[in-house]
Amino acid sequence: MTLPHPIAALLAASALLGLTSAAGAQTAAAPQSPPLPARTVGKPQQPQIVPSMIVLNARGAKLAGQKLVLEGIAPNAIVFADRPIRSAGHALTVHLLEEWSASSADSFAKDPPNATVSVLNKAKGEVVDAVMVLKSPKLEGDRLTFDVEVIEGNLAGGDGAVSVFLDIINLPVARRTSHRAAWYAGAQ
């Protein structure tokens, strides 16, 4: 038997209301679960700050006299530690540059790091590099300029991507940057 259209709609609406109120009654009557305890995965360890290497990447580099200009500097630097720690992570480039602040006793301003600057020569598919001391960084947009003291090598012919490997072996202290970086610890 077919019901007239308005009556069918009224019956359907009342059936839905009945189901909704029944569901509400079930929800209200459901017992509350006790909160779950915090779950620990693995073996918790005290965070460990270790001397680490730093890598800056950029689109290109030019060495002119005592100035190194990195164009298209990446907004983050790669930070990693060697054995036995085997950890790696990222730090914002602007945070890394704070390491040159003169306000700290262990500042790069007082004991600047050595770096190897490696630049790709696009045509030859080779790398040119130079070792230098990095001083007084200045960041303007995506251009990073350092005053440098060239120890050896040059960047002639380097017209491609660049990586700057900072050697902080002579500074075995926890850097300010390490407290604001994202770290991924590996197995020891």
N, C-alpha and C. Protein backbone atom coordinates (compact mmCIF):
# COMPACT_ATOMS: atom_id res chain seq x y z
N MET A 1 0.84 -1.16 0.00
CA MET A 1 0.00 0.00 0.00
C MET A 1 0.89 1.23 0.00
N THR A 2 0.51 2.21 -0.79
CA THR A 2 1.28 3.42 -0.92
C THR A 2 0.62 4.52 -0.11
N LEU A 3 1.39 5.14 0.75
CA LEU A 3 0.87 6.24 1.56
C LEU A 3 0.98 7.54 0.78
N PRO A 4 0.05 8.47 1.07
CA PRO A 4 0.16 9.77 0.42
C PRO A 4 1.50 10.42 0.79
N HIS A 5 2.01 11.22 -0.09
CA HIS A 5 3.32 11.83 0.05
C HIS A 5 3.52 12.58 1.36
N PRO A 6 2.65 13.46 1.84
CA PRO A 6 2.88 14.17 3.10
C PRO A 6 2.92 13.22 4.30
N ILE A 7 2.12 12.19 4.29
CA ILE A 7 2.11 11.25 5.41
C ILE A 7 3.41 10.44 5.42
N ALA A 8 3.89 10.05 4.27
CA ALA A 8 5.15 9.29 4.20
C ALA A 8 6.30 10.13 4.74
N ALA A 9 6.32 11.39 4.40
CA ALA A 9 7.37 12.27 4.88
C ALA A 9 7.30 12.43 6.39
N LEU A 10 6.06 12.52 6.93
CA LEU A 10 5.89 12.66 8.36
C LEU A 10 6.34 11.41 9.10
N LEU A 11 6.01 10.23 8.58
CA LEU A 11 6.44 8.98 9.20
C LEU A 11 7.96 8.83 9.14
N ALA A 12 8.56 9.20 8.02
CA ALA A 12 10.02 9.11 7.89
C ALA A 12 10.71 10.05 8.88
N ALA A 13 10.17 11.25 9.03
CA ALA A 13 10.75 12.22 9.96
C ALA A 13 10.64 11.73 11.39
N SER A 14 9.49 11.17 11.76
CA SER A 14 9.33 10.68 13.14
C SER A 14 10.22 9.48 13.39
N ALA A 15 10.45 8.64 12.38
CA ALA A 15 11.33 7.49 12.55
C ALA A 15 12.77 7.97 12.78
N LEU A 16 13.19 8.99 12.02
CA LEU A 16 14.53 9.54 12.20
C LEU A 16 14.69 10.17 13.58
N LEU A 17 13.67 10.88 14.03
CA LEU A 17 13.74 11.48 15.36
C LEU A 17 13.82 10.42 16.44
N GLY A 18 13.09 9.35 16.26
CA GLY A 18 13.14 8.27 17.24
C GLY A 18 14.52 7.63 17.28
N LEU A 19 15.13 7.44 16.10
CA LEU A 19 16.47 6.86 16.08
C LEU A 19 17.48 7.81 16.69
N THR A 20 17.34 9.09 16.40
CA THR A 20 18.27 10.08 16.95
C THR A 20 18.17 10.14 18.46
N SER A 21 16.95 10.13 19.00
CA SER A 21 16.82 10.21 20.45
C SER A 21 17.28 8.92 21.10
N ALA A 22 17.10 7.80 20.43
CA ALA A 22 17.58 6.53 20.99
C ALA A 22 19.10 6.51 21.00
N ALA A 23 19.70 7.03 19.93
CA ALA A 23 21.16 7.08 19.88
C ALA A 23 21.68 8.02 20.96
N GLY A 24 20.99 9.12 21.19
CA GLY A 24 21.39 10.07 22.23
C GLY A 24 21.30 9.42 23.60
N ALA A 25 20.27 8.61 23.81
CA ALA A 25 20.13 7.92 25.08
C ALA A 25 21.27 6.94 25.29
N GLN A 26 21.68 6.26 24.23
CA GLN A 26 22.78 5.31 24.35
C GLN A 26 24.08 6.04 24.66
N THR A 27 24.28 7.18 24.02
CA THR A 27 25.51 7.93 24.26
C THR A 27 25.56 8.44 25.69
N ALA A 28 24.45 8.94 26.18
CA ALA A 28 24.42 9.48 27.53
C ALA A 28 24.63 8.38 28.56
N ALA A 29 24.13 7.17 28.26
CA ALA A 29 24.22 6.09 29.23
C ALA A 29 25.56 5.36 29.17
N ALA A 30 26.36 5.61 28.13
CA ALA A 30 27.62 4.89 27.99
C ALA A 30 28.56 5.27 29.13
N PRO A 31 29.20 4.27 29.74
CA PRO A 31 30.13 4.57 30.83
C PRO A 31 31.38 5.28 30.31
N GLN A 32 31.93 6.15 31.13
CA GLN A 32 33.14 6.88 30.76
C GLN A 32 34.35 5.98 30.97
N SER A 33 35.27 5.98 29.99
CA SER A 33 36.50 5.20 30.10
C SER A 33 37.50 5.99 30.92
N PRO A 34 38.30 5.30 31.72
CA PRO A 34 39.36 6.02 32.44
C PRO A 34 40.39 6.51 31.42
N PRO A 35 41.07 7.62 31.70
CA PRO A 35 42.09 8.12 30.76
C PRO A 35 43.20 7.09 30.59
N LEU A 36 43.71 6.99 29.37
CA LEU A 36 44.80 6.05 29.10
C LEU A 36 46.09 6.59 29.68
N PRO A 37 46.93 5.71 30.21
CA PRO A 37 48.22 6.17 30.73
C PRO A 37 49.12 6.59 29.57
N ALA A 38 50.07 7.48 29.84
CA ALA A 38 51.03 7.90 28.82
C ALA A 38 51.82 6.68 28.36
N ARG A 39 52.06 6.60 27.07
CA ARG A 39 52.75 5.45 26.51
C ARG A 39 54.16 5.85 26.11
N THR A 40 55.14 5.07 26.48
CA THR A 40 56.52 5.31 26.13
C THR A 40 56.95 4.26 25.11
N VAL A 41 57.52 4.72 24.02
CA VAL A 41 58.02 3.83 22.99
C VAL A 41 59.54 3.85 23.06
N GLY A 42 60.16 2.70 23.12
CA GLY A 42 61.62 2.63 23.20
C GLY A 42 62.12 2.90 24.60
N LYS A 43 63.40 3.19 24.70
CA LYS A 43 64.02 3.47 25.99
C LYS A 43 64.28 4.96 26.10
N PRO A 44 63.56 5.66 26.98
CA PRO A 44 63.80 7.10 27.13
C PRO A 44 65.23 7.38 27.56
N GLN A 45 65.82 8.40 26.95
CA GLN A 45 67.17 8.79 27.29
C GLN A 45 67.24 10.30 27.43
N GLN A 46 68.16 10.74 28.22
CA GLN A 46 68.39 12.17 28.37
C GLN A 46 68.94 12.70 27.04
N PRO A 47 68.40 13.80 26.51
CA PRO A 47 68.94 14.35 25.26
C PRO A 47 70.43 14.65 25.42
N GLN A 48 71.17 14.43 24.36
CA GLN A 48 72.61 14.60 24.39
C GLN A 48 73.01 15.58 23.28
N ILE A 49 73.72 16.63 23.65
CA ILE A 49 74.21 17.59 22.68
C ILE A 49 75.65 17.24 22.38
N VAL A 50 75.98 17.07 21.09
CA VAL A 50 77.32 16.67 20.70
C VAL A 50 77.84 17.61 19.63
N PRO A 51 79.17 17.74 19.51
CA PRO A 51 79.71 18.54 18.42
C PRO A 51 79.22 17.99 17.09
N SER A 52 78.84 18.87 16.20
CA SER A 52 78.25 18.44 14.95
C SER A 52 78.81 19.24 13.79
N MET A 53 78.68 18.68 12.62
CA MET A 53 79.06 19.36 11.39
C MET A 53 77.82 20.06 10.85
N ILE A 54 78.04 21.11 10.06
CA ILE A 54 76.94 21.91 9.53
C ILE A 54 77.14 22.03 8.02
N VAL A 55 76.06 21.89 7.28
CA VAL A 55 76.11 22.06 5.83
C VAL A 55 75.07 23.10 5.41
N LEU A 56 75.53 24.14 4.74
CA LEU A 56 74.66 25.14 4.13
C LEU A 56 74.59 24.85 2.64
N ASN A 57 73.43 24.99 2.05
CA ASN A 57 73.27 24.79 0.61
C ASN A 57 72.72 26.06 -0.01
N ALA A 58 73.17 26.33 -1.25
CA ALA A 58 72.72 27.51 -1.97
C ALA A 58 72.68 27.21 -3.46
N ARG A 59 72.05 28.10 -4.19
CA ARG A 59 71.93 27.97 -5.64
C ARG A 59 73.26 28.27 -6.34
N GLY A 60 74.05 29.19 -5.77
CA GLY A 60 75.32 29.56 -6.39
C GLY A 60 76.21 30.31 -5.43
N ALA A 61 77.50 30.46 -5.81
CA ALA A 61 78.47 31.15 -4.95
C ALA A 61 79.46 31.92 -5.81
N LYS A 62 79.88 33.05 -5.29
CA LYS A 62 80.93 33.86 -5.92
C LYS A 62 81.92 34.24 -4.84
N LEU A 63 83.20 34.12 -5.18
CA LEU A 63 84.27 34.53 -4.28
C LEU A 63 84.97 35.71 -4.94
N ALA A 64 84.89 36.86 -4.30
CA ALA A 64 85.53 38.07 -4.82
C ALA A 64 86.39 38.66 -3.72
N GLY A 65 87.70 38.48 -3.85
CA GLY A 65 88.61 38.99 -2.83
C GLY A 65 88.36 38.31 -1.50
N GLN A 66 88.01 39.10 -0.52
CA GLN A 66 87.77 38.58 0.83
C GLN A 66 86.28 38.45 1.14
N LYS A 67 85.44 38.31 0.11
CA LYS A 67 83.98 38.16 0.28
C LYS A 67 83.50 36.90 -0.41
N LEU A 68 82.70 36.12 0.28
CA LEU A 68 82.00 34.97 -0.29
C LEU A 68 80.52 35.33 -0.30
N VAL A 69 79.89 35.26 -1.47
CA VAL A 69 78.47 35.57 -1.60
C VAL A 69 77.75 34.30 -2.03
N LEU A 70 76.80 33.86 -1.21
CA LEU A 70 75.98 32.69 -1.52
C LEU A 70 74.61 33.20 -1.96
N GLU A 71 74.24 32.90 -3.20
CA GLU A 71 72.94 33.30 -3.74
C GLU A 71 71.96 32.14 -3.59
N GLY A 72 70.73 32.46 -3.23
CA GLY A 72 69.71 31.42 -3.09
C GLY A 72 69.99 30.48 -1.93
N ILE A 73 70.40 31.05 -0.81
CA ILE A 73 70.71 30.23 0.37
C ILE A 73 69.45 29.49 0.85
N ALA A 74 69.61 28.24 1.21
CA ALA A 74 68.47 27.46 1.72
C ALA A 74 68.04 28.03 3.07
N PRO A 75 66.75 27.98 3.38
CA PRO A 75 66.27 28.52 4.66
C PRO A 75 66.65 27.66 5.86
N ASN A 76 67.14 26.46 5.60
CA ASN A 76 67.57 25.61 6.71
C ASN A 76 68.93 25.00 6.39
N ALA A 77 69.67 24.70 7.43
CA ALA A 77 70.98 24.05 7.31
C ALA A 77 70.84 22.61 7.78
N ILE A 78 71.70 21.76 7.27
CA ILE A 78 71.74 20.37 7.72
C ILE A 78 72.79 20.28 8.81
N VAL A 79 72.45 19.62 9.90
CA VAL A 79 73.36 19.45 11.03
C VAL A 79 73.46 17.96 11.29
N PHE A 80 74.69 17.45 11.44
CA PHE A 80 74.83 16.02 11.70
C PHE A 80 76.06 15.74 12.55
N ALA A 81 75.99 14.65 13.28
CA ALA A 81 77.09 14.19 14.12
C ALA A 81 77.59 12.87 13.57
N ASP A 82 78.84 12.60 13.80
CA ASP A 82 79.44 11.37 13.32
C ASP A 82 79.39 10.31 14.41
N ARG A 83 79.92 9.17 14.13
CA ARG A 83 79.95 8.07 15.10
C ARG A 83 80.56 8.52 16.40
N PRO A 84 80.17 8.03 17.49
CA PRO A 84 79.22 6.94 17.68
C PRO A 84 77.77 7.42 17.75
N ILE A 85 77.52 8.72 17.70
CA ILE A 85 76.17 9.25 17.91
C ILE A 85 75.26 9.00 16.72
N ARG A 86 75.72 9.32 15.50
CA ARG A 86 74.93 9.13 14.29
C ARG A 86 73.57 9.80 14.35
N SER A 87 73.57 11.07 14.54
CA SER A 87 72.30 11.80 14.54
C SER A 87 72.38 12.91 13.49
N ALA A 88 71.23 13.34 13.02
CA ALA A 88 71.18 14.38 12.01
C ALA A 88 69.91 15.18 12.19
N GLY A 89 69.89 16.36 11.62
CA GLY A 89 68.69 17.18 11.71
C GLY A 89 68.83 18.45 10.91
N HIS A 90 67.93 19.37 11.19
CA HIS A 90 67.87 20.64 10.48
C HIS A 90 67.87 21.78 11.48
N ALA A 91 68.44 22.89 11.09
CA ALA A 91 68.38 24.13 11.87
C ALA A 91 68.11 25.26 10.90
N LEU A 92 67.31 26.21 11.32
CA LEU A 92 67.06 27.36 10.46
C LEU A 92 68.36 28.11 10.23
N THR A 93 68.58 28.55 9.02
CA THR A 93 69.80 29.29 8.68
C THR A 93 69.92 30.54 9.55
N VAL A 94 68.82 31.25 9.78
CA VAL A 94 68.89 32.46 10.61
C VAL A 94 69.33 32.14 12.03
N HIS A 95 68.93 30.97 12.55
CA HIS A 95 69.38 30.57 13.89
C HIS A 95 70.86 30.23 13.87
N LEU A 96 71.29 29.56 12.82
CA LEU A 96 72.70 29.21 12.71
C LEU A 96 73.58 30.47 12.68
N LEU A 97 73.14 31.49 12.00
CA LEU A 97 73.94 32.72 11.89
C LEU A 97 74.10 33.42 13.23
N GLU A 98 73.22 33.13 14.18
CA GLU A 98 73.37 33.69 15.53
C GLU A 98 74.63 33.18 16.22
N GLU A 99 75.22 32.09 15.70
CA GLU A 99 76.46 31.56 16.27
C GLU A 99 77.62 32.55 16.14
N TRP A 100 77.49 33.53 15.24
CA TRP A 100 78.53 34.54 15.06
C TRP A 100 78.30 35.75 15.97
N SER A 101 77.32 35.69 16.86
CA SER A 101 77.06 36.79 17.78
C SER A 101 78.25 36.98 18.72
N ALA A 102 78.70 38.19 18.87
CA ALA A 102 79.87 38.47 19.72
C ALA A 102 79.54 38.41 21.20
N SER A 103 78.28 38.21 21.55
CA SER A 103 77.88 38.25 22.96
C SER A 103 78.17 36.97 23.73
N SER A 104 78.68 35.95 23.08
CA SER A 104 78.93 34.68 23.75
C SER A 104 80.43 34.36 23.77
N ALA A 105 80.85 33.73 24.84
CA ALA A 105 82.27 33.38 24.99
C ALA A 105 82.71 32.36 23.94
N ASP A 106 81.80 31.50 23.49
CA ASP A 106 82.15 30.45 22.52
C ASP A 106 81.69 30.81 21.11
N SER A 107 81.57 32.07 20.83
CA SER A 107 81.03 32.56 19.57
C SER A 107 81.96 32.30 18.39
N PHE A 108 81.36 32.08 17.21
CA PHE A 108 82.13 32.00 15.98
C PHE A 108 82.77 33.35 15.66
N ALA A 109 82.24 34.43 16.22
CA ALA A 109 82.85 35.74 16.01
C ALA A 109 84.24 35.78 16.62
N LYS A 110 84.43 35.07 17.72
CA LYS A 110 85.71 35.04 18.42
C LYS A 110 86.63 33.95 17.89
N ASP A 111 86.08 32.88 17.40
CA ASP A 111 86.86 31.76 16.86
C ASP A 111 86.13 31.23 15.63
N PRO A 112 86.27 31.91 14.48
CA PRO A 112 85.49 31.56 13.30
C PRO A 112 85.81 30.15 12.78
N PRO A 113 84.81 29.48 12.24
CA PRO A 113 85.02 28.12 11.75
C PRO A 113 85.65 28.11 10.35
N ASN A 114 86.38 27.03 10.07
CA ASN A 114 86.84 26.77 8.72
C ASN A 114 85.68 26.14 7.96
N ALA A 115 85.71 26.28 6.64
CA ALA A 115 84.67 25.67 5.82
C ALA A 115 85.27 25.29 4.47
N THR A 116 84.75 24.21 3.92
CA THR A 116 85.04 23.88 2.53
C THR A 116 83.82 24.28 1.73
N VAL A 117 84.04 25.12 0.73
CA VAL A 117 82.96 25.57 -0.14
C VAL A 117 83.13 24.81 -1.46
N SER A 118 82.14 23.99 -1.80
CA SER A 118 82.17 23.18 -3.02
C SER A 118 81.09 23.66 -3.97
N VAL A 119 81.52 24.02 -5.20
CA VAL A 119 80.59 24.56 -6.19
C VAL A 119 80.66 23.70 -7.45
N LEU A 120 79.51 23.38 -8.00
CA LEU A 120 79.43 22.58 -9.21
C LEU A 120 79.77 23.42 -10.43
N ASN A 121 80.58 22.87 -11.34
CA ASN A 121 80.81 23.46 -12.66
C ASN A 121 79.87 22.70 -13.58
N LYS A 122 78.80 23.37 -14.02
CA LYS A 122 77.74 22.71 -14.80
C LYS A 122 78.24 22.07 -16.09
N ALA A 123 79.04 22.79 -16.84
CA ALA A 123 79.49 22.30 -18.15
C ALA A 123 80.35 21.04 -18.04
N LYS A 124 81.23 21.01 -17.07
CA LYS A 124 82.15 19.88 -16.94
C LYS A 124 81.62 18.80 -16.00
N GLY A 125 80.58 19.11 -15.22
CA GLY A 125 80.07 18.14 -14.26
C GLY A 125 81.09 17.86 -13.17
N GLU A 126 81.91 18.85 -12.87
CA GLU A 126 82.93 18.72 -11.84
C GLU A 126 82.64 19.69 -10.70
N VAL A 127 83.42 19.56 -9.67
CA VAL A 127 83.28 20.44 -8.52
C VAL A 127 84.58 21.21 -8.34
N VAL A 128 84.44 22.51 -8.08
CA VAL A 128 85.58 23.32 -7.67
C VAL A 128 85.37 23.65 -6.20
N ASP A 129 86.46 23.75 -5.47
CA ASP A 129 86.28 24.04 -4.04
C ASP A 129 87.42 24.87 -3.49
N ALA A 130 87.14 25.46 -2.35
CA ALA A 130 88.11 26.26 -1.63
C ALA A 130 87.86 26.08 -0.14
N VAL A 131 88.93 26.13 0.62
CA VAL A 131 88.85 26.07 2.08
C VAL A 131 89.07 27.49 2.58
N MET A 132 88.22 27.93 3.48
CA MET A 132 88.30 29.30 3.97
C MET A 132 87.77 29.41 5.39
N VAL A 133 88.09 30.51 6.03
CA VAL A 133 87.56 30.85 7.35
C VAL A 133 86.37 31.77 7.12
N LEU A 134 85.24 31.46 7.75
CA LEU A 134 84.01 32.25 7.57
C LEU A 134 83.84 33.24 8.72
N LYS A 135 83.67 34.50 8.37
CA LYS A 135 83.53 35.56 9.37
C LYS A 135 82.35 36.46 9.01
N SER A 136 81.78 37.10 9.99
CA SER A 136 80.80 38.18 9.85
C SER A 136 79.73 37.94 8.80
N PRO A 137 78.85 36.96 9.01
CA PRO A 137 77.80 36.71 8.01
C PRO A 137 76.77 37.85 7.98
N LYS A 138 76.24 38.07 6.78
CA LYS A 138 75.20 39.07 6.60
C LYS A 138 74.16 38.47 5.66
N LEU A 139 72.93 38.31 6.16
CA LEU A 139 71.85 37.73 5.38
C LEU A 139 70.90 38.82 4.92
N GLU A 140 70.70 38.90 3.61
CA GLU A 140 69.75 39.84 3.02
C GLU A 140 68.88 39.06 2.05
N GLY A 141 67.64 38.79 2.46
CA GLY A 141 66.76 37.95 1.65
C GLY A 141 67.34 36.56 1.54
N ASP A 142 67.61 36.10 0.30
CA ASP A 142 68.22 34.77 0.14
C ASP A 142 69.69 34.88 -0.29
N ARG A 143 70.31 36.03 0.02
CA ARG A 143 71.74 36.24 -0.25
C ARG A 143 72.48 36.29 1.09
N LEU A 144 73.47 35.42 1.23
CA LEU A 144 74.28 35.36 2.44
C LEU A 144 75.72 35.69 2.08
N THR A 145 76.27 36.71 2.75
CA THR A 145 77.63 37.15 2.48
C THR A 145 78.48 36.94 3.72
N PHE A 146 79.68 36.40 3.51
CA PHE A 146 80.67 36.23 4.58
C PHE A 146 81.92 37.01 4.21
N ASP A 147 82.59 37.58 5.21
CA ASP A 147 83.97 38.00 5.06
C ASP A 147 84.75 36.70 5.21
N VAL A 148 85.77 36.50 4.36
CA VAL A 148 86.50 35.24 4.41
C VAL A 148 88.00 35.46 4.38
N GLU A 149 88.70 34.46 4.85
CA GLU A 149 90.15 34.34 4.70
C GLU A 149 90.35 33.03 3.96
N VAL A 150 90.79 33.10 2.70
CA VAL A 150 90.97 31.89 1.90
C VAL A 150 92.25 31.19 2.34
N ILE A 151 92.13 29.91 2.67
CA ILE A 151 93.27 29.11 3.09
C ILE A 151 93.90 28.42 1.87
N GLU A 152 93.04 27.85 1.02
CA GLU A 152 93.53 27.23 -0.21
C GLU A 152 92.38 27.06 -1.20
N GLY A 153 92.71 26.97 -2.48
CA GLY A 153 91.73 26.74 -3.52
C GLY A 153 91.08 28.01 -4.01
N ASN A 154 90.18 27.84 -4.97
CA ASN A 154 89.39 28.96 -5.47
C ASN A 154 88.11 28.40 -6.09
N LEU A 155 87.21 29.29 -6.42
CA LEU A 155 85.91 28.86 -6.95
C LEU A 155 85.77 29.17 -8.44
N ALA A 156 86.88 29.44 -9.13
CA ALA A 156 86.85 29.76 -10.55
C ALA A 156 86.19 28.62 -11.33
N GLY A 157 85.24 28.97 -12.16
CA GLY A 157 84.52 27.98 -12.96
C GLY A 157 83.31 27.40 -12.27
N GLY A 158 83.12 27.71 -11.01
CA GLY A 158 81.95 27.20 -10.28
C GLY A 158 80.73 28.04 -10.60
N ASP A 159 79.77 27.45 -11.32
CA ASP A 159 78.59 28.20 -11.73
C ASP A 159 77.28 27.49 -11.37
N GLY A 160 77.36 26.50 -10.52
CA GLY A 160 76.16 25.74 -10.17
C GLY A 160 75.89 25.75 -8.68
N ALA A 161 75.18 24.73 -8.24
CA ALA A 161 74.80 24.60 -6.83
C ALA A 161 76.04 24.52 -5.95
N VAL A 162 75.87 24.99 -4.72
CA VAL A 162 76.99 25.05 -3.78
C VAL A 162 76.60 24.41 -2.44
N SER A 163 77.58 23.77 -1.83
CA SER A 163 77.45 23.28 -0.45
C SER A 163 78.62 23.81 0.35
N VAL A 164 78.33 24.31 1.53
CA VAL A 164 79.35 24.84 2.43
C VAL A 164 79.39 23.92 3.64
N PHE A 165 80.54 23.26 3.84
CA PHE A 165 80.71 22.31 4.94
C PHE A 165 81.50 23.00 6.04
N LEU A 166 80.84 23.30 7.15
CA LEU A 166 81.51 23.99 8.26
C LEU A 166 82.15 22.98 9.18
N ASP A 167 83.40 23.22 9.48
CA ASP A 167 84.17 22.35 10.36
C ASP A 167 84.27 23.04 11.72
N ILE A 168 83.60 22.48 12.70
CA ILE A 168 83.66 23.08 14.03
C ILE A 168 84.41 22.18 15.00
N ILE A 169 85.34 21.40 14.46
CA ILE A 169 86.10 20.45 15.27
C ILE A 169 86.84 21.14 16.41
N ASN A 170 87.24 22.39 16.21
CA ASN A 170 87.96 23.10 17.27
C ASN A 170 87.02 23.73 18.29
N LEU A 171 85.73 23.51 18.15
CA LEU A 171 84.76 24.07 19.08
C LEU A 171 83.86 22.96 19.63
N PRO A 172 84.37 22.13 20.51
CA PRO A 172 83.60 20.97 20.99
C PRO A 172 82.61 21.31 22.09
N VAL A 173 81.85 22.36 21.90
CA VAL A 173 80.86 22.74 22.90
C VAL A 173 79.48 22.71 22.27
N ALA A 174 78.47 22.57 23.09
CA ALA A 174 77.09 22.59 22.59
C ALA A 174 76.78 23.98 22.07
N ARG A 175 76.37 24.06 20.84
CA ARG A 175 76.06 25.34 20.21
C ARG A 175 74.65 25.77 20.58
N ARG A 176 74.40 27.08 20.53
CA ARG A 176 73.06 27.60 20.77
C ARG A 176 72.06 27.02 19.77
N THR A 177 72.49 26.85 18.52
CA THR A 177 71.62 26.33 17.47
C THR A 177 71.09 24.95 17.82
N SER A 178 71.87 24.15 18.50
CA SER A 178 71.47 22.76 18.78
C SER A 178 70.20 22.68 19.62
N HIS A 179 69.91 23.71 20.37
CA HIS A 179 68.72 23.70 21.21
C HIS A 179 67.46 24.06 20.44
N ARG A 180 67.63 24.57 19.20
CA ARG A 180 66.47 24.97 18.41
C ARG A 180 66.40 24.21 17.10
N ALA A 181 67.12 23.12 16.99
CA ALA A 181 67.14 22.34 15.75
C ALA A 181 66.24 21.12 15.90
N ALA A 182 65.87 20.55 14.77
CA ALA A 182 65.10 19.29 14.75
C ALA A 182 66.11 18.17 14.52
N TRP A 183 66.19 17.25 15.47
CA TRP A 183 67.18 16.18 15.41
C TRP A 183 66.53 14.83 15.22
N TYR A 184 67.22 13.98 14.49
CA TYR A 184 66.79 12.60 14.27
C TYR A 184 67.94 11.72 14.70
N ALA A 185 67.76 11.01 15.79
CA ALA A 185 68.84 10.19 16.33
C ALA A 185 68.85 8.82 15.68
N GLY A 186 70.03 8.35 15.35
CA GLY A 186 70.19 7.03 14.77
C GLY A 186 70.70 6.07 15.83
N ALA A 187 70.89 4.85 15.45
CA ALA A 187 71.40 3.82 16.37
C ALA A 187 72.87 4.07 16.62
N GLN A 188 73.30 3.75 17.83
CA GLN A 188 74.71 3.90 18.16
C GLN A 188 75.44 2.61 17.93
